[in-house]
PDB file of N, CA and C in Angstrom:
ATOM      1  N   UNK A   1     201.545 111.749 107.608  1.00  0.00           N
ATOM      2  CA  UNK A   1     200.695 110.439 107.520  1.00  0.00           C
ATOM      3  C   UNK A   1     201.080 110.069 106.010  1.00  0.00           C
ATOM      4  N   UNK A   2     201.283 108.758 105.956  1.00  0.00           N
ATOM      5  CA  UNK A   2     201.662 108.123 104.477  1.00  0.00           C
ATOM      6  C   UNK A   2     200.880 106.922 104.466  1.00  0.00           C
ATOM      7  N   UNK A   3     199.836 107.111 103.565  1.00  0.00           N
ATOM      8  CA  UNK A   3     198.954 105.916 103.493  1.00  0.00           C
ATOM      9  C   UNK A   3     199.339 104.878 102.234  1.00  0.00           C
ATOM     10  N   UNK A   4     199.307 103.791 102.705  1.00  0.00           N
ATOM     11  CA  UNK A   4     199.576 102.567 101.496  1.00  0.00           C
ATOM     12  C   UNK A   4     198.537 101.887 101.179  1.00  0.00           C
ATOM     13  N   UNK A   5     197.993 102.019 100.010  1.00  0.00           N
ATOM     14  CA  UNK A   5     196.695 101.366  99.574  1.00  0.00           C
ATOM     15  C   UNK A   5     197.141  99.864  99.624  1.00  0.00           C
ATOM     16  N   UNK A   6     196.119  99.076 100.272  1.00  0.00           N
ATOM     17  CA  UNK A   6     196.316  97.537 100.160  1.00  0.00           C
ATOM     18  C   UNK A   6     195.386  96.897  99.267  1.00  0.00           C
ATOM     19  N   UNK A   7     194.112  97.405  99.211  1.00  0.00           N
ATOM     20  CA  UNK A   7     193.201  96.547  98.115  1.00  0.00           C
ATOM     21  C   UNK A   7     191.907  97.037  98.416  1.00  0.00           C
ATOM     22  N   UNK A   8     190.947  96.901  97.378  1.00  0.00           N
ATOM     23  CA  UNK A   8     189.612  97.215  97.180  1.00  0.00           C
ATOM     24  C   UNK A   8     188.901  95.808  96.963  1.00  0.00           C
ATOM     25  N   UNK A   9     187.879  95.754  97.447  1.00  0.00           N
ATOM     26  CA  UNK A   9     186.825  94.552  97.667  1.00  0.00           C
ATOM     27  C   UNK A   9     186.724  94.093  96.146  1.00  0.00           C
ATOM     28  N   UNK A  10     187.153  93.006  95.672  1.00  0.00           N
ATOM     29  CA  UNK A  10     186.737  92.579  94.421  1.00  0.00           C
ATOM     30  C   UNK A  10     185.649  92.279  93.812  1.00  0.00           C
ATOM     31  N   UNK A  11     184.505  92.075  95.046  1.00  0.00           N
ATOM     32  CA  UNK A  11     183.514  91.512  94.953  1.00  0.00           C
ATOM     33  C   UNK A  11     182.492  92.631  94.976  1.00  0.00           C
ATOM     34  N   UNK A  12     182.655  93.905  95.108  1.00  0.00           N
ATOM     35  CA  UNK A  12     182.102  95.132  95.517  1.00  0.00           C
ATOM     36  C   UNK A  12     181.157  95.224  94.115  1.00  0.00           C
ATOM     37  N   UNK A  13     179.795  95.516  94.280  1.00  0.00           N
ATOM     38  CA  UNK A  13     178.942  95.642  93.169  1.00  0.00           C
ATOM     39  C   UNK A  13     179.475  96.954  92.165  1.00  0.00           C
ATOM     40  N   UNK A  14     179.958  97.963  92.654  1.00  0.00           N
ATOM     41  CA  UNK A  14     180.194  99.028  91.880  1.00  0.00           C
ATOM     42  C   UNK A  14     181.727  99.453  91.841  1.00  0.00           C
ATOM     43  N   UNK A  15     182.547  98.724  92.856  1.00  0.00           N
ATOM     44  CA  UNK A  15     184.060  98.747  92.522  1.00  0.00           C
ATOM     45  C   UNK A  15     184.543  99.776  93.483  1.00  0.00           C
ATOM     46  N   UNK A  16     183.603 100.409  94.139  1.00  0.00           N
ATOM     47  CA  UNK A  16     184.078 101.619  95.161  1.00  0.00           C
ATOM     48  C   UNK A  16     184.508 101.261  96.774  1.00  0.00           C
ATOM     49  N   UNK A  17     183.784 100.178  96.999  1.00  0.00           N
ATOM     50  CA  UNK A  17     183.929  99.581  98.472  1.00  0.00           C
ATOM     51  C   UNK A  17     183.980  98.228  98.682  1.00  0.00           C
ATOM     52  N   UNK A  18     184.491  97.740  99.521  1.00  0.00           N
ATOM     53  CA  UNK A  18     185.199  98.335 100.757  1.00  0.00           C
ATOM     54  C   UNK A  18     186.818  98.694 100.213  1.00  0.00           C
ATOM     55  N   UNK A  19     187.461  99.463 100.958  1.00  0.00           N
ATOM     56  CA  UNK A  19     188.871  99.492 100.756  1.00  0.00           C
ATOM     57  C   UNK A  19     189.502  99.615 102.150  1.00  0.00           C
ATOM     58  N   UNK A  20     190.819  99.181 101.854  1.00  0.00           N
ATOM     59  CA  UNK A  20     191.671  99.251 102.991  1.00  0.00           C
ATOM     60  C   UNK A  20     193.217  99.952 102.670  1.00  0.00           C
ATOM     61  N   UNK A  21     193.634 100.753 103.781  1.00  0.00           N
ATOM     62  CA  UNK A  21     194.861 101.460 103.561  1.00  0.00           C
ATOM     63  C   UNK A  21     195.568 101.165 104.842  1.00  0.00           C
ATOM     64  N   UNK A  22     197.176 101.260 105.026  1.00  0.00           N
ATOM     65  CA  UNK A  22     197.534 101.114 105.957  1.00  0.00           C
ATOM     66  C   UNK A  22     198.513 102.416 106.215  1.00  0.00           C
ATOM     67  N   UNK A  23     198.571 102.841 107.369  1.00  0.00           N
ATOM     68  CA  UNK A  23     199.476 104.238 107.724  1.00  0.00           C
ATOM     69  C   UNK A  23     200.800 103.670 107.887  1.00  0.00           C
ATOM     70  N   UNK A  24     201.710 104.010 107.104  1.00  0.00           N
ATOM     71  CA  UNK A  24     203.280 103.261 107.034  1.00  0.00           C
ATOM     72  C   UNK A  24     203.750 103.815 108.299  1.00  0.00           C
ATOM     73  N   UNK A  25     203.421 105.059 108.765  1.00  0.00           N
ATOM     74  CA  UNK A  25     204.092 105.757 110.143  1.00  0.00           C
ATOM     75  C   UNK A  25     203.843 105.128 111.346  1.00  0.00           C
ATOM     76  N   UNK A  26     202.337 104.867 111.345  1.00  0.00           N
ATOM     77  CA  UNK A  26     202.022 104.225 112.662  1.00  0.00           C
ATOM     78  C   UNK A  26     201.274 102.852 112.634  1.00  0.00           C
ATOM     79  N   UNK A  27     201.273 102.431 111.321  1.00  0.00           N
ATOM     80  CA  UNK A  27     200.793 101.085 111.366  1.00  0.00           C
ATOM     81  C   UNK A  27     199.197 100.754 111.449  1.00  0.00           C
ATOM     82  N   UNK A  28     198.519 102.058 111.585  1.00  0.00           N
ATOM     83  CA  UNK A  28     197.069 102.026 111.749  1.00  0.00           C
ATOM     84  C   UNK A  28     196.266 101.526 110.456  1.00  0.00           C
ATOM     85  N   UNK A  29     195.248 101.350 110.360  1.00  0.00           N
ATOM     86  CA  UNK A  29     194.413 100.973 109.247  1.00  0.00           C
ATOM     87  C   UNK A  29     193.165 102.122 108.948  1.00  0.00           C
ATOM     88  N   UNK A  30     193.182 102.484 107.728  1.00  0.00           N
ATOM     89  CA  UNK A  30     191.865 103.573 107.300  1.00  0.00           C
ATOM     90  C   UNK A  30     190.903 102.368 106.499  1.00  0.00           C
ATOM     91  N   UNK A  31     189.865 102.203 106.781  1.00  0.00           N
ATOM     92  CA  UNK A  31     188.832 101.399 106.204  1.00  0.00           C
ATOM     93  C   UNK A  31     187.710 102.255 105.442  1.00  0.00           C
ATOM     94  N   UNK A  32     187.465 101.873 104.425  1.00  0.00           N
ATOM     95  CA  UNK A  32     186.272 102.376 103.832  1.00  0.00           C
ATOM     96  C   UNK A  32     185.099 101.448 103.468  1.00  0.00           C
ATOM     97  N   UNK A  33     184.126 101.564 103.896  1.00  0.00           N
ATOM     98  CA  UNK A  33     182.941 100.672 103.888  1.00  0.00           C
ATOM     99  C   UNK A  33     181.795 101.083 103.936  1.00  0.00           C
ATOM    100  N   UNK A  34     180.759 100.212 103.986  1.00  0.00           N
ATOM    101  CA  UNK A  34     179.269 101.054 103.930  1.00  0.00           C
ATOM    102  C   UNK A  34     178.811 101.373 105.348  1.00  0.00           C
ATOM    103  N   UNK A  35     178.176 102.548 105.585  1.00  0.00           N
ATOM    104  CA  UNK A  35     177.861 102.975 106.910  1.00  0.00           C
ATOM    105  C   UNK A  35     176.481 102.171 107.324  1.00  0.00           C
ATOM    106  N   UNK A  36     176.758 101.719 108.618  1.00  0.00           N
ATOM    107  CA  UNK A  36     175.672 100.912 109.287  1.00  0.00           C
ATOM    108  C   UNK A  36     175.105 101.659 110.483  1.00  0.00           C
ATOM    109  N   UNK A  37     173.853 102.135 109.723  1.00  0.00           N
ATOM    110  CA  UNK A  37     173.177 102.777 110.695  1.00  0.00           C
ATOM    111  C   UNK A  37     171.904 102.042 110.759  1.00  0.00           C
ATOM    112  N   UNK A  38     171.710 100.629 110.663  1.00  0.00           N
ATOM    113  CA  UNK A  38     170.603  99.967 110.756  1.00  0.00           C
ATOM    114  C   UNK A  38     169.925 100.045 112.306  1.00  0.00           C
ATOM    115  N   UNK A  39     168.839  99.848 112.529  1.00  0.00           N
ATOM    116  CA  UNK A  39     168.163 100.060 113.653  1.00  0.00           C
ATOM    117  C   UNK A  39     168.438  98.672 114.494  1.00  0.00           C
ATOM    118  N   UNK A  40     168.616  97.464 113.923  1.00  0.00           N
ATOM    119  CA  UNK A  40     169.288  96.449 114.635  1.00  0.00           C
ATOM    120  C   UNK A  40     170.673  96.632 115.048  1.00  0.00           C
ATOM    121  N   UNK A  41     171.413  97.335 114.348  1.00  0.00           N
ATOM    122  CA  UNK A  41     172.921  97.421 114.781  1.00  0.00           C
ATOM    123  C   UNK A  41     173.044  98.304 116.105  1.00  0.00           C
ATOM    124  N   UNK A  42     171.933  99.667 115.931  1.00  0.00           N
ATOM    125  CA  UNK A  42     171.945 100.615 116.973  1.00  0.00           C
ATOM    126  C   UNK A  42     171.393  99.957 118.034  1.00  0.00           C
ATOM    127  N   UNK A  43     170.413  99.096 118.009  1.00  0.00           N
ATOM    128  CA  UNK A  43     169.799  98.607 119.242  1.00  0.00           C
ATOM    129  C   UNK A  43     170.933  97.794 120.086  1.00  0.00           C
ATOM    130  N   UNK A  44     171.504  97.022 119.385  1.00  0.00           N
ATOM    131  CA  UNK A  44     172.466  96.049 120.055  1.00  0.00           C
ATOM    132  C   UNK A  44     173.728  96.775 120.725  1.00  0.00           C
ATOM    133  N   UNK A  45     174.505  97.693 119.835  1.00  0.00           N
ATOM    134  CA  UNK A  45     175.531  98.272 120.221  1.00  0.00           C
ATOM    135  C   UNK A  45     175.220  99.887 120.850  1.00  0.00           C
ATOM    136  N   UNK A  46     174.039 100.477 120.829  1.00  0.00           N
ATOM    137  CA  UNK A  46     173.914 101.687 121.417  1.00  0.00           C
ATOM    138  C   UNK A  46     174.495 102.830 120.442  1.00  0.00           C
ATOM    139  N   UNK A  47     174.394 103.911 120.893  1.00  0.00           N
ATOM    140  CA  UNK A  47     174.661 105.213 120.059  1.00  0.00           C
ATOM    141  C   UNK A  47     175.964 105.213 119.579  1.00  0.00           C
ATOM    142  N   UNK A  48     176.262 105.847 118.690  1.00  0.00           N
ATOM    143  CA  UNK A  48     177.527 106.023 117.998  1.00  0.00           C
ATOM    144  C   UNK A  48     178.095 107.286 118.628  1.00  0.00           C
ATOM    145  N   UNK A  49     179.274 107.455 119.204  1.00  0.00           N
ATOM    146  CA  UNK A  49     179.707 108.903 120.051  1.00  0.00           C
ATOM    147  C   UNK A  49     180.039 109.690 118.688  1.00  0.00           C
ATOM    148  N   UNK A  50     179.861 110.944 119.069  1.00  0.00           N
ATOM    149  CA  UNK A  50     180.362 112.175 118.412  1.00  0.00           C
ATOM    150  C   UNK A  50     181.799 112.040 117.629  1.00  0.00           C
ATOM    151  N   UNK A  51     181.522 112.066 116.474  1.00  0.00           N
ATOM    152  CA  UNK A  51     183.145 112.025 115.645  1.00  0.00           C
ATOM    153  C   UNK A  51     183.567 110.746 115.136  1.00  0.00           C
ATOM    154  N   UNK A  52     182.661 109.833 115.197  1.00  0.00           N
ATOM    155  CA  UNK A  52     182.844 108.367 115.129  1.00  0.00           C
ATOM    156  C   UNK A  52     181.574 107.789 114.192  1.00  0.00           C
ATOM    157  N   UNK A  53     181.822 106.679 113.585  1.00  0.00           N
ATOM    158  CA  UNK A  53     180.884 106.167 112.575  1.00  0.00           C
ATOM    159  C   UNK A  53     181.083 104.605 112.557  1.00  0.00           C
ATOM    160  N   UNK A  54     180.171 103.856 112.342  1.00  0.00           N
ATOM    161  CA  UNK A  54     180.379 102.517 112.312  1.00  0.00           C
ATOM    162  C   UNK A  54     180.395 102.195 110.917  1.00  0.00           C
ATOM    163  N   UNK A  55     181.111 101.430 110.300  1.00  0.00           N
ATOM    164  CA  UNK A  55     181.064 100.602 109.013  1.00  0.00           C
ATOM    165  C   UNK A  55     181.002  99.164 108.854  1.00  0.00           C
ATOM    166  N   UNK A  56     180.201  98.713 107.962  1.00  0.00           N
ATOM    167  CA  UNK A  56     180.107  97.366 108.022  1.00  0.00           C
ATOM    168  C   UNK A  56     181.186  97.093 106.763  1.00  0.00           C
ATOM    169  N   UNK A  57     181.983  96.267 107.267  1.00  0.00           N
ATOM    170  CA  UNK A  57     183.299  95.782 106.466  1.00  0.00           C
ATOM    171  C   UNK A  57     183.245  94.170 106.175  1.00  0.00           C
ATOM    172  N   UNK A  58     183.303  93.756 104.765  1.00  0.00           N
ATOM    173  CA  UNK A  58     183.041  92.267 104.419  1.00  0.00           C
ATOM    174  C   UNK A  58     184.329  91.558 105.165  1.00  0.00           C
ATOM    175  N   UNK A  59     183.717  90.328 105.434  1.00  0.00           N
ATOM    176  CA  UNK A  59     184.857  89.553 106.110  1.00  0.00           C
ATOM    177  C   UNK A  59     185.792  89.305 105.065  1.00  0.00           C
ATOM    178  N   UNK A  60     185.485  88.898 103.716  1.00  0.00           N
ATOM    179  CA  UNK A  60     186.263  88.669 102.715  1.00  0.00           C
ATOM    180  C   UNK A  60     187.529  89.571 102.489  1.00  0.00           C
ATOM    181  N   UNK A  61     187.202  90.812 103.004  1.00  0.00           N
ATOM    182  CA  UNK A  61     188.190  91.814 102.822  1.00  0.00           C
ATOM    183  C   UNK A  61     189.616  91.483 104.026  1.00  0.00           C
ATOM    184  N   UNK A  62     189.364  90.528 104.923  1.00  0.00           N
ATOM    185  CA  UNK A  62     190.544  90.389 105.743  1.00  0.00           C
ATOM    186  C   UNK A  62     191.737  89.703 105.049  1.00  0.00           C
ATOM    187  N   UNK A  63     191.696  89.340 103.966  1.00  0.00           N
ATOM    188  CA  UNK A  63     192.760  88.903 103.231  1.00  0.00           C
ATOM    189  C   UNK A  63     193.742  89.792 102.920  1.00  0.00           C
ATOM    190  N   UNK A  64     193.289  91.108 103.011  1.00  0.00           N
ATOM    191  CA  UNK A  64     194.285  92.139 102.416  1.00  0.00           C
ATOM    192  C   UNK A  64     194.916  92.725 103.791  1.00  0.00           C
ATOM    193  N   UNK A  65     194.681  92.221 105.014  1.00  0.00           N
ATOM    194  CA  UNK A  65     195.353  92.721 106.047  1.00  0.00           C
ATOM    195  C   UNK A  65     196.851  91.959 106.155  1.00  0.00           C
ATOM    196  N   UNK A  66     197.810  92.641 106.310  1.00  0.00           N
ATOM    197  CA  UNK A  66     199.079  91.986 106.497  1.00  0.00           C
ATOM    198  C   UNK A  66     199.302  90.856 107.464  1.00  0.00           C
ATOM    199  N   UNK A  67     198.696  91.226 108.469  1.00  0.00           N
ATOM    200  CA  UNK A  67     198.612  90.136 109.643  1.00  0.00           C
ATOM    201  C   UNK A  67     198.144  89.011 109.367  1.00  0.00           C
ATOM    202  N   UNK A  68     197.307  88.698 108.382  1.00  0.00           N
ATOM    203  CA  UNK A  68     196.396  87.586 107.974  1.00  0.00           C
ATOM    204  C   UNK A  68     197.268  87.050 106.725  1.00  0.00           C
ATOM    205  N   UNK A  69     198.022  87.717 106.173  1.00  0.00           N
ATOM    206  CA  UNK A  69     198.804  87.147 105.050  1.00  0.00           C
ATOM    207  C   UNK A  69     200.314  86.978 105.507  1.00  0.00           C
ATOM    208  N   UNK A  70     200.712  87.026 106.609  1.00  0.00           N
ATOM    209  CA  UNK A  70     202.150  86.734 107.169  1.00  0.00           C
ATOM    210  C   UNK A  70     202.785  88.085 106.992  1.00  0.00           C
ATOM    211  N   UNK A  71     202.331  89.017 107.023  1.00  0.00           N
ATOM    212  CA  UNK A  71     202.909  90.409 106.856  1.00  0.00           C
ATOM    213  C   UNK A  71     203.274  90.870 105.431  1.00  0.00           C
ATOM    214  N   UNK A  72     202.609  90.232 104.548  1.00  0.00           N
ATOM    215  CA  UNK A  72     202.675  90.669 103.199  1.00  0.00           C
ATOM    216  C   UNK A  72     201.440  91.543 102.776  1.00  0.00           C
ATOM    217  N   UNK A  73     201.720  92.719 102.302  1.00  0.00           N
ATOM    218  CA  UNK A  73     200.664  93.494 101.992  1.00  0.00           C
ATOM    219  C   UNK A  73     200.123  93.265 100.596  1.00  0.00           C
ATOM    220  N   UNK A  74     201.013  92.563  99.894  1.00  0.00           N
ATOM    221  CA  UNK A  74     200.552  92.292  98.390  1.00  0.00           C
ATOM    222  C   UNK A  74     200.137  90.620  98.072  1.00  0.00           C
ATOM    223  N   UNK A  75     199.864  90.008  99.265  1.00  0.00           N
ATOM    224  CA  UNK A  75     199.425  88.680  99.038  1.00  0.00           C
ATOM    225  C   UNK A  75     198.142  88.443  98.256  1.00  0.00           C
TER     226      UNK A  75
END
């Protein structure tokens, strides 16, 4: 796996999250965000399967996905 850093959330209060990378071999994304364990989310979506986690990812970060920027990772 070779991960390409795409960007971090410029509006993050501490500069650490959210972050997005792309696997250059598979085209998959690796996302870092805030763990969402709120009772409201769990009530609506149900339990999280073993080995998975739900993250809350800011909509403003969509600008860093190449599909949104016409294929450019550096837009």
